[in-house]
Amino acid sequence: MLKESYFEFTVRWHLYRKWHMPPKPNRQAEYDFHRVMKTAPAGGLFIDFGANVGDVTRHALNYGMKVIAFEPDPTARKVLTKRFGQDDRVTIIPKAVGGSARTARFYQPSGIDNIGRTEGSSLIETPLHVNGSIFEIEVVDVVQFLQGLHEPIAVVKMDIEGAEAECIEAILNAGIHRSIGQVLVETHERFSPGLADRIGQLRQRISREGIRNINLDWG
């Protein structure tokens, strides 16, 4: 997702619409991303939770934003750092994010010579991680981190392979979503019935409380 320039995406999007084809989920997510970014303030702060190799970070920079990029997977972070480590608009944090501060097991798929497989690295163990690597990482409390920032947050993007449930729960409980422009979340209900139930409850809560700036249908 978000590997094309905005111009390339726009051409493809209009071709889909011309032929009245329903957009694929990843195309819809790209549309939602660009729609949000075009209304975000230039020079604003973009938080990239689960930056991986930095494709979303690159687009945020193209929109003139500053980026704080979290990426706990060392293989993906090596690429991320090579791309943006010398860019003073980007701060790279080599940690995961969660609903509480702790040390936790981190599960990395096998075959990460294919860098794309690092997108499945997670705090939650799934069948994808059979024969993969397991190691300890530091998890940052998402609320404490966001509250500790000393400037407005324009956009939060969250693609953290199942840990989004605990993060959004913590953000809502603290009420900190009220001080964020937009929150784009890729959810991973497929991981387990328990996670699907938590995400379902979050959808109901967001609807019930009339929250308009959290998109759980992104990605």
Protein backbone atom coordinates (compact mmCIF):
# COMPACT_ATOMS: atom_id res chain seq x y z
CA MET A 1 0.00 0.00 0.00
CA LEU A 2 1.07 3.59 -0.72
CA LYS A 3 3.97 2.59 -2.92
CA GLU A 4 2.87 4.90 -5.75
CA SER A 5 3.10 8.65 -6.05
CA TYR A 6 -0.08 10.66 -5.50
CA PHE A 7 -0.27 11.31 -9.27
CA GLU A 8 -0.05 7.59 -10.10
CA PHE A 9 -2.65 6.75 -7.49
CA THR A 10 -5.03 9.43 -8.75
CA VAL A 11 -4.85 8.13 -12.33
CA ARG A 12 -5.59 4.57 -11.23
CA TRP A 13 -8.38 5.70 -8.89
CA HIS A 14 -10.19 7.60 -11.62
CA LEU A 15 -9.83 4.67 -14.00
CA TYR A 16 -11.52 2.45 -11.39
CA ARG A 17 -14.31 4.97 -10.97
CA LYS A 18 -14.70 5.49 -14.73
CA TRP A 19 -15.50 1.84 -15.17
CA HIS A 20 -17.68 1.80 -12.05
CA MET A 21 -15.51 -0.81 -10.43
CA PRO A 22 -15.73 -1.00 -6.62
CA PRO A 23 -12.32 -0.08 -5.24
CA LYS A 24 -10.24 -2.81 -3.66
CA PRO A 25 -9.71 -2.34 0.09
CA ASN A 26 -6.13 -1.19 -0.33
CA ARG A 27 -7.21 1.36 -2.97
CA GLN A 28 -9.91 2.67 -0.67
CA ALA A 29 -7.33 2.96 2.11
CA GLU A 30 -5.03 4.93 -0.18
CA TYR A 31 -7.90 7.24 -1.11
CA ASP A 32 -8.74 7.79 2.56
CA PHE A 33 -5.08 8.50 3.33
CA HIS A 34 -4.70 11.12 0.62
CA ARG A 35 -8.04 12.72 1.52
CA VAL A 36 -6.90 13.12 5.13
CA MET A 37 -3.44 14.33 4.18
CA LYS A 38 -4.69 16.96 1.76
CA THR A 39 -6.57 18.63 4.64
CA ALA A 40 -3.81 18.23 7.24
CA PRO A 41 -1.72 21.31 8.06
CA ALA A 42 1.57 21.58 6.21
CA GLY A 43 4.42 21.23 8.67
CA GLY A 44 2.18 19.30 11.05
CA LEU A 45 3.19 16.27 13.07
CA PHE A 46 2.54 12.79 11.67
CA ILE A 47 2.93 9.76 13.96
CA ASP A 48 3.68 6.54 12.09
CA PHE A 49 3.07 3.63 14.47
CA GLY A 50 4.39 0.57 12.65
CA ALA A 51 6.41 2.38 10.01
CA ASN A 52 8.00 -0.79 8.59
CA VAL A 53 10.28 0.33 5.72
CA GLY A 54 8.74 3.79 5.51
CA ASP A 55 6.38 3.90 2.55
CA VAL A 56 3.77 5.83 4.53
CA THR A 57 6.46 8.00 6.10
CA ARG A 58 7.62 8.95 2.60
CA HIS A 59 4.15 10.11 1.63
CA ALA A 60 3.77 12.10 4.87
CA LEU A 61 7.03 13.87 4.07
CA ASN A 62 5.81 14.59 0.55
CA TYR A 63 2.86 16.36 2.14
CA GLY A 64 5.28 18.57 4.06
CA MET A 65 4.85 16.94 7.46
CA LYS A 66 7.27 16.00 10.21
CA VAL A 67 7.25 12.32 11.14
CA ILE A 68 7.87 10.29 14.26
CA ALA A 69 8.22 6.69 13.06
CA PHE A 70 8.01 3.70 15.42
CA GLU A 71 9.42 0.43 14.12
CA PRO A 72 10.45 -2.43 16.44
CA ASP A 73 11.44 -4.94 13.75
CA PRO A 74 15.22 -4.58 13.31
CA THR A 75 15.20 -5.87 9.74
CA ALA A 76 12.56 -3.40 8.56
CA ARG A 77 14.11 -0.62 10.65
CA LYS A 78 17.46 -1.07 8.90
CA VAL A 79 15.75 -0.17 5.61
CA LEU A 80 13.76 2.62 7.25
CA THR A 81 16.93 4.12 8.70
CA LYS A 82 18.78 3.86 5.39
CA ARG A 83 15.96 5.78 3.71
CA PHE A 84 15.29 8.44 6.34
CA GLY A 85 17.93 8.30 9.05
CA GLN A 86 19.64 11.44 7.72
CA ASP A 87 16.41 13.39 7.25
CA ASP A 88 15.98 15.85 10.11
CA ARG A 89 12.21 15.81 9.55
CA VAL A 90 12.07 12.16 10.67
CA THR A 91 12.58 10.75 14.16
CA ILE A 92 12.90 6.96 14.24
CA ILE A 93 12.05 5.16 17.49
CA PRO A 94 13.15 1.49 17.66
CA LYS A 95 10.31 0.36 19.91
CA ALA A 96 6.79 -1.01 19.77
CA VAL A 97 3.74 0.80 21.10
CA GLY A 98 0.97 -0.58 23.30
CA GLY A 99 -1.59 0.17 25.96
CA SER A 100 1.06 -0.03 28.69
CA ALA A 101 4.83 0.29 29.06
CA ARG A 102 6.53 -3.07 29.34
CA THR A 103 9.00 -5.52 27.90
CA ALA A 104 7.31 -8.04 25.64
CA ARG A 105 8.00 -10.89 23.27
CA PHE A 106 8.16 -9.88 19.62
CA TYR A 107 7.43 -12.41 16.89
CA GLN A 108 9.14 -12.16 13.52
CA PRO A 109 8.15 -14.38 10.56
CA SER A 110 10.62 -16.71 8.93
CA GLY A 111 12.04 -15.86 5.53
CA ILE A 112 12.63 -12.18 6.22
CA ASP A 113 15.19 -12.08 3.42
CA ASN A 114 11.98 -11.08 1.66
CA ILE A 115 11.65 -7.69 3.33
CA GLY A 116 7.91 -7.69 2.71
CA ARG A 117 7.48 -10.44 5.30
CA THR A 118 8.53 -8.04 8.05
CA GLU A 119 5.07 -6.48 7.71
CA GLY A 120 3.84 -9.48 9.69
CA SER A 121 6.14 -8.97 12.69
CA SER A 122 3.98 -8.56 15.78
CA LEU A 123 3.52 -8.56 19.53
CA ILE A 124 0.85 -11.20 18.90
CA GLU A 125 1.91 -14.72 17.89
CA THR A 126 0.09 -16.14 14.87
CA PRO A 127 0.65 -19.11 12.52
CA LEU A 128 2.67 -16.73 10.34
CA HIS A 129 5.42 -16.84 12.98
CA VAL A 130 6.05 -20.59 12.92
CA ASN A 131 9.82 -21.14 12.55
CA GLY A 132 10.40 -17.41 12.89
CA SER A 133 12.42 -15.50 15.47
CA ILE A 134 11.30 -14.47 18.96
CA PHE A 135 13.02 -11.78 21.00
CA GLU A 136 12.31 -9.21 23.69
CA ILE A 137 11.53 -5.59 22.85
CA GLU A 138 10.50 -2.47 24.71
CA VAL A 139 6.87 -1.38 24.42
CA VAL A 140 6.06 2.31 24.90
CA ASP A 141 2.81 3.38 26.59
CA VAL A 142 0.89 5.01 23.74
CA VAL A 143 -0.99 7.47 25.96
CA GLN A 144 2.08 8.59 27.85
CA PHE A 145 3.94 9.08 24.60
CA LEU A 146 1.19 11.12 22.94
CA GLN A 147 0.60 13.20 26.05
CA GLY A 148 4.33 13.94 26.25
CA LEU A 149 4.46 15.61 22.86
CA HIS A 150 4.66 19.39 22.98
CA GLU A 151 2.92 20.20 19.72
CA PRO A 152 -0.41 19.34 18.09
CA ILE A 153 -0.70 15.95 16.39
CA ALA A 154 -2.14 16.24 12.90
CA VAL A 155 -2.36 12.55 11.96
CA VAL A 156 -1.73 9.21 13.64
CA LYS A 157 -1.36 6.16 11.41
CA MET A 158 -1.46 2.82 13.20
CA ASP A 159 -0.56 -0.50 11.56
CA ILE A 160 0.78 -2.61 14.41
CA GLU A 161 -0.41 -6.12 13.64
CA GLY A 162 -3.05 -6.67 16.32
CA ALA A 163 -1.78 -4.33 19.04
CA GLU A 164 -4.10 -1.62 17.72
CA ALA A 165 -6.93 -2.86 19.98
CA GLU A 166 -5.10 -2.14 23.23
CA CYS A 167 -3.79 1.16 21.88
CA ILE A 168 -7.17 2.50 20.76
CA GLU A 169 -8.78 1.35 24.00
CA ALA A 170 -6.15 3.27 25.97
CA ILE A 171 -6.47 6.37 23.77
CA LEU A 172 -10.25 6.44 24.16
CA ASN A 173 -10.12 5.83 27.90
CA ALA A 174 -7.70 8.74 28.30
CA GLY A 175 -9.71 10.98 25.97
CA ILE A 176 -6.55 11.94 24.12
CA HIS A 177 -8.18 11.35 20.72
CA ARG A 178 -9.81 14.77 21.19
CA SER A 179 -6.42 16.43 20.72
CA ILE A 180 -5.52 14.53 17.53
CA GLY A 181 -6.55 15.55 14.03
CA GLN A 182 -7.15 12.14 12.46
CA VAL A 183 -6.36 8.56 13.42
CA LEU A 184 -6.03 5.96 10.63
CA VAL A 185 -6.01 2.37 11.89
CA GLU A 186 -5.47 -0.90 10.06
CA THR A 187 -7.18 -3.61 12.10
CA HIS A 188 -6.36 -7.30 12.18
CA GLU A 189 -9.53 -9.08 13.30
CA ARG A 190 -8.43 -12.16 11.38
CA PHE A 191 -5.78 -12.93 13.98
CA SER A 192 -8.19 -14.34 16.53
CA PRO A 193 -11.85 -14.35 17.64
CA GLY A 194 -10.80 -12.50 20.80
CA LEU A 195 -9.18 -9.69 18.83
CA ALA A 196 -12.18 -9.53 16.49
CA ASP A 197 -14.46 -9.12 19.51
CA ARG A 198 -12.33 -6.27 20.91
CA ILE A 199 -12.30 -4.47 17.57
CA GLY A 200 -16.05 -4.96 17.28
CA GLN A 201 -16.58 -3.40 20.69
CA LEU A 202 -14.35 -0.48 19.71
CA ARG A 203 -16.41 0.09 16.56
CA GLN A 204 -19.57 0.18 18.65
CA ARG A 205 -18.03 2.57 21.16
CA ILE A 206 -16.76 4.92 18.47
CA SER A 207 -20.20 4.97 16.85
CA ARG A 208 -22.03 5.35 20.17
CA GLU A 209 -19.84 8.25 21.30
CA GLY A 210 -20.01 9.98 17.92
CA ILE A 211 -16.24 9.97 17.43
CA ARG A 212 -15.43 11.19 13.92
CA ASN A 213 -11.66 11.25 13.80
CA ILE A 214 -10.84 7.56 14.28
CA ASN A 215 -11.06 5.39 11.16
CA LEU A 216 -10.95 1.68 11.98
CA ASP A 217 -11.68 0.79 8.36
CA TRP A 218 -8.33 2.01 7.05
CA GLY A 219 -6.18 -0.60 5.42
